[in-house]
Amino acid sequence: MSSTADPDYARLKWRCRRGMRELDAVLQAFLQSAYAALGDDDKSRFEAILDLPDPELYGYLAGRLEPKDRSLAPLIGRIRASLHP
């Protein structure tokens, strides 16, 4: 099943739109390529990541900051790894 078949896909794609184009590209690419394979817990974590302010999220994805919520760290790492397949 493709990620586009998920009923939440369109809503999540919209939420991936950010004030920073760099974040748009990273989050939308991850949504398209990897979201469908995530378990329910990681899907919830992805939504929590989308709730973060842009500067904080950018810091996490750039590796400049460690996530305050340590439960997000593995998924942040997975998103970062998807940048360099």
N, C-alpha and C. Protein backbone atom coordinates (compact mmCIF):
# COMPACT_ATOMS: atom_id res chain seq x y z
N MET A 1 0.85 -1.19 0.00
CA MET A 1 0.00 0.00 0.00
C MET A 1 0.89 1.24 0.00
N SER A 2 0.62 2.15 -0.87
CA SER A 2 1.42 3.37 -0.93
C SER A 2 1.01 4.32 0.17
N SER A 3 1.91 5.23 0.50
CA SER A 3 1.61 6.19 1.55
C SER A 3 0.45 7.09 1.16
N THR A 4 0.23 7.27 -0.14
CA THR A 4 -0.86 8.14 -0.57
C THR A 4 -2.22 7.50 -0.32
N ALA A 5 -2.27 6.18 -0.04
CA ALA A 5 -3.53 5.52 0.24
C ALA A 5 -3.97 5.73 1.69
N ASP A 6 -3.08 6.19 2.54
CA ASP A 6 -3.40 6.45 3.95
C ASP A 6 -4.37 7.63 4.00
N PRO A 7 -5.48 7.49 4.74
CA PRO A 7 -6.46 8.59 4.78
C PRO A 7 -5.90 9.88 5.38
N ASP A 8 -4.85 9.78 6.16
CA ASP A 8 -4.26 10.98 6.76
C ASP A 8 -3.18 11.61 5.89
N TYR A 9 -2.86 10.97 4.76
CA TYR A 9 -1.74 11.43 3.93
C TYR A 9 -1.90 12.89 3.50
N ALA A 10 -3.04 13.26 2.99
CA ALA A 10 -3.23 14.64 2.51
C ALA A 10 -3.09 15.64 3.65
N ARG A 11 -3.64 15.30 4.80
CA ARG A 11 -3.54 16.19 5.96
C ARG A 11 -2.08 16.32 6.39
N LEU A 12 -1.37 15.21 6.41
CA LEU A 12 0.04 15.24 6.81
C LEU A 12 0.89 15.98 5.79
N LYS A 13 0.59 15.79 4.52
CA LYS A 13 1.33 16.51 3.48
C LYS A 13 1.16 18.01 3.68
N TRP A 14 -0.04 18.44 4.00
CA TRP A 14 -0.28 19.86 4.26
C TRP A 14 0.50 20.32 5.49
N ARG A 15 0.54 19.49 6.54
CA ARG A 15 1.26 19.85 7.76
C ARG A 15 2.77 19.89 7.55
N CYS A 16 3.26 19.19 6.53
CA CYS A 16 4.69 19.20 6.22
C CYS A 16 5.12 20.52 5.58
N ARG A 17 4.16 21.31 5.14
CA ARG A 17 4.48 22.62 4.56
C ARG A 17 4.89 23.53 5.70
N ARG A 18 6.08 24.07 5.60
CA ARG A 18 6.65 24.86 6.68
C ARG A 18 7.03 26.24 6.18
N GLY A 19 7.49 27.06 7.09
CA GLY A 19 7.99 28.38 6.72
C GLY A 19 9.37 28.32 6.10
N MET A 20 10.05 27.21 6.27
CA MET A 20 11.40 27.02 5.71
C MET A 20 11.32 25.99 4.60
N ARG A 21 11.71 26.37 3.41
CA ARG A 21 11.64 25.44 2.26
C ARG A 21 12.46 24.18 2.49
N GLU A 22 13.58 24.33 3.21
CA GLU A 22 14.42 23.16 3.49
C GLU A 22 13.62 22.11 4.26
N LEU A 23 12.85 22.57 5.24
CA LEU A 23 12.03 21.65 6.02
C LEU A 23 10.92 21.06 5.16
N ASP A 24 10.31 21.87 4.31
CA ASP A 24 9.28 21.36 3.40
C ASP A 24 9.81 20.15 2.63
N ALA A 25 10.96 20.35 2.02
CA ALA A 25 11.53 19.30 1.16
C ALA A 25 11.84 18.04 1.95
N VAL A 26 12.46 18.18 3.10
CA VAL A 26 12.85 17.02 3.90
C VAL A 26 11.62 16.28 4.41
N LEU A 27 10.69 17.00 4.99
CA LEU A 27 9.52 16.35 5.59
C LEU A 27 8.62 15.72 4.53
N GLN A 28 8.40 16.40 3.41
CA GLN A 28 7.55 15.84 2.37
C GLN A 28 8.20 14.63 1.72
N ALA A 29 9.52 14.66 1.54
CA ALA A 29 10.21 13.50 0.97
C ALA A 29 10.10 12.30 1.91
N PHE A 30 10.27 12.54 3.21
CA PHE A 30 10.16 11.45 4.18
C PHE A 30 8.73 10.91 4.22
N LEU A 31 7.76 11.80 4.20
CA LEU A 31 6.36 11.39 4.19
C LEU A 31 6.09 10.48 3.00
N GLN A 32 6.56 10.88 1.84
CA GLN A 32 6.31 10.12 0.62
C GLN A 32 7.05 8.79 0.61
N SER A 33 8.29 8.77 1.08
CA SER A 33 9.10 7.56 0.93
C SER A 33 9.04 6.60 2.10
N ALA A 34 8.76 7.08 3.31
CA ALA A 34 8.92 6.21 4.47
C ALA A 34 7.73 6.16 5.43
N TYR A 35 6.84 7.12 5.37
CA TYR A 35 5.76 7.19 6.35
C TYR A 35 4.91 5.93 6.38
N ALA A 36 4.55 5.39 5.24
CA ALA A 36 3.66 4.23 5.19
C ALA A 36 4.25 3.03 5.91
N ALA A 37 5.56 2.93 5.99
CA ALA A 37 6.22 1.79 6.63
C ALA A 37 6.39 1.98 8.14
N LEU A 38 6.06 3.16 8.66
CA LEU A 38 6.20 3.40 10.09
C LEU A 38 5.13 2.66 10.87
N GLY A 39 5.48 2.27 12.08
CA GLY A 39 4.50 1.70 13.00
C GLY A 39 3.64 2.82 13.57
N ASP A 40 2.58 2.45 14.26
CA ASP A 40 1.66 3.45 14.81
C ASP A 40 2.35 4.42 15.77
N ASP A 41 3.26 3.90 16.61
CA ASP A 41 3.96 4.78 17.55
C ASP A 41 4.80 5.82 16.81
N ASP A 42 5.52 5.39 15.77
CA ASP A 42 6.33 6.34 15.02
C ASP A 42 5.47 7.29 14.19
N LYS A 43 4.32 6.85 13.75
CA LYS A 43 3.41 7.77 13.05
C LYS A 43 2.96 8.87 14.01
N SER A 44 2.69 8.50 15.26
CA SER A 44 2.33 9.51 16.27
C SER A 44 3.50 10.44 16.55
N ARG A 45 4.70 9.88 16.60
CA ARG A 45 5.89 10.71 16.81
C ARG A 45 6.11 11.66 15.64
N PHE A 46 5.85 11.20 14.42
CA PHE A 46 6.00 12.07 13.26
C PHE A 46 5.06 13.27 13.40
N GLU A 47 3.84 13.02 13.84
CA GLU A 47 2.91 14.13 14.04
C GLU A 47 3.41 15.07 15.13
N ALA A 48 4.02 14.51 16.18
CA ALA A 48 4.59 15.36 17.24
C ALA A 48 5.73 16.20 16.69
N ILE A 49 6.51 15.62 15.80
CA ILE A 49 7.60 16.36 15.16
C ILE A 49 7.04 17.53 14.34
N LEU A 50 5.91 17.30 13.68
CA LEU A 50 5.30 18.36 12.88
C LEU A 50 4.76 19.50 13.75
N ASP A 51 4.57 19.24 15.04
CA ASP A 51 4.11 20.28 15.97
C ASP A 51 5.25 21.19 16.44
N LEU A 52 6.49 20.80 16.18
CA LEU A 52 7.63 21.58 16.66
C LEU A 52 7.79 22.88 15.86
N PRO A 53 8.29 23.93 16.52
CA PRO A 53 8.57 25.17 15.78
C PRO A 53 9.70 24.94 14.77
N ASP A 54 9.65 25.65 13.66
CA ASP A 54 10.64 25.47 12.59
C ASP A 54 12.09 25.57 13.06
N PRO A 55 12.47 26.60 13.82
CA PRO A 55 13.88 26.70 14.21
C PRO A 55 14.36 25.50 15.03
N GLU A 56 13.50 25.03 15.92
CA GLU A 56 13.84 23.87 16.75
C GLU A 56 13.96 22.61 15.88
N LEU A 57 12.98 22.39 15.02
CA LEU A 57 13.00 21.22 14.14
C LEU A 57 14.20 21.26 13.21
N TYR A 58 14.50 22.41 12.66
CA TYR A 58 15.66 22.54 11.79
C TYR A 58 16.94 22.18 12.55
N GLY A 59 17.05 22.65 13.77
CA GLY A 59 18.22 22.33 14.60
C GLY A 59 18.36 20.84 14.81
N TYR A 60 17.25 20.15 15.04
CA TYR A 60 17.29 18.70 15.23
C TYR A 60 17.72 18.00 13.94
N LEU A 61 17.12 18.39 12.83
CA LEU A 61 17.42 17.72 11.56
C LEU A 61 18.82 18.05 11.04
N ALA A 62 19.32 19.21 11.41
CA ALA A 62 20.68 19.59 11.01
C ALA A 62 21.72 18.97 11.94
N GLY A 63 21.27 18.38 13.04
CA GLY A 63 22.20 17.77 13.98
C GLY A 63 22.84 18.77 14.93
N ARG A 64 22.29 19.97 14.98
CA ARG A 64 22.83 21.01 15.86
C ARG A 64 22.25 20.94 17.26
N LEU A 65 21.08 20.36 17.39
CA LEU A 65 20.40 20.24 18.68
C LEU A 65 19.96 18.80 18.90
N GLU A 66 19.86 18.42 20.15
CA GLU A 66 19.29 17.12 20.51
C GLU A 66 17.83 17.35 20.90
N PRO A 67 16.93 16.48 20.46
CA PRO A 67 15.52 16.66 20.80
C PRO A 67 15.29 16.69 22.32
N LYS A 68 14.50 17.66 22.75
CA LYS A 68 14.14 17.75 24.17
C LYS A 68 13.38 16.50 24.58
N ASP A 69 12.49 16.05 23.73
CA ASP A 69 11.74 14.82 23.96
C ASP A 69 12.56 13.67 23.37
N ARG A 70 13.24 12.93 24.22
CA ARG A 70 14.15 11.88 23.78
C ARG A 70 13.44 10.78 22.99
N SER A 71 12.13 10.65 23.16
CA SER A 71 11.42 9.61 22.41
C SER A 71 11.36 9.94 20.92
N LEU A 72 11.60 11.19 20.57
CA LEU A 72 11.60 11.60 19.16
C LEU A 72 12.95 11.37 18.48
N ALA A 73 14.00 11.18 19.27
CA ALA A 73 15.36 11.10 18.74
C ALA A 73 15.53 10.00 17.67
N PRO A 74 15.04 8.77 17.88
CA PRO A 74 15.23 7.76 16.83
C PRO A 74 14.57 8.13 15.50
N LEU A 75 13.37 8.71 15.56
CA LEU A 75 12.69 9.08 14.32
C LEU A 75 13.38 10.29 13.67
N ILE A 76 13.83 11.24 14.47
CA ILE A 76 14.60 12.36 13.93
C ILE A 76 15.83 11.80 13.21
N GLY A 77 16.50 10.85 13.83
CA GLY A 77 17.66 10.22 13.20
C GLY A 77 17.30 9.53 11.90
N ARG A 78 16.16 8.89 11.88
CA ARG A 78 15.72 8.21 10.65
C ARG A 78 15.42 9.22 9.54
N ILE A 79 14.81 10.32 9.90
CA ILE A 79 14.54 11.37 8.92
C ILE A 79 15.87 11.93 8.40
N ARG A 80 16.81 12.20 9.31
CA ARG A 80 18.13 12.69 8.91
C ARG A 80 18.82 11.71 7.98
N ALA A 81 18.74 10.42 8.30
CA ALA A 81 19.38 9.39 7.47
C ALA A 81 18.77 9.33 6.09
N SER A 82 17.47 9.65 5.99
CA SER A 82 16.81 9.60 4.69
C SER A 82 17.32 10.68 3.74
N LEU A 83 18.00 11.68 4.28
CA LEU A 83 18.58 12.74 3.46
C LEU A 83 19.77 12.26 2.66
N HIS A 84 20.40 11.18 3.14
CA HIS A 84 21.62 10.66 2.53
C HIS A 84 21.45 9.17 2.29
N PRO A 85 20.61 8.80 1.31
CA PRO A 85 20.35 7.36 1.09
C PRO A 85 21.56 6.59 0.63
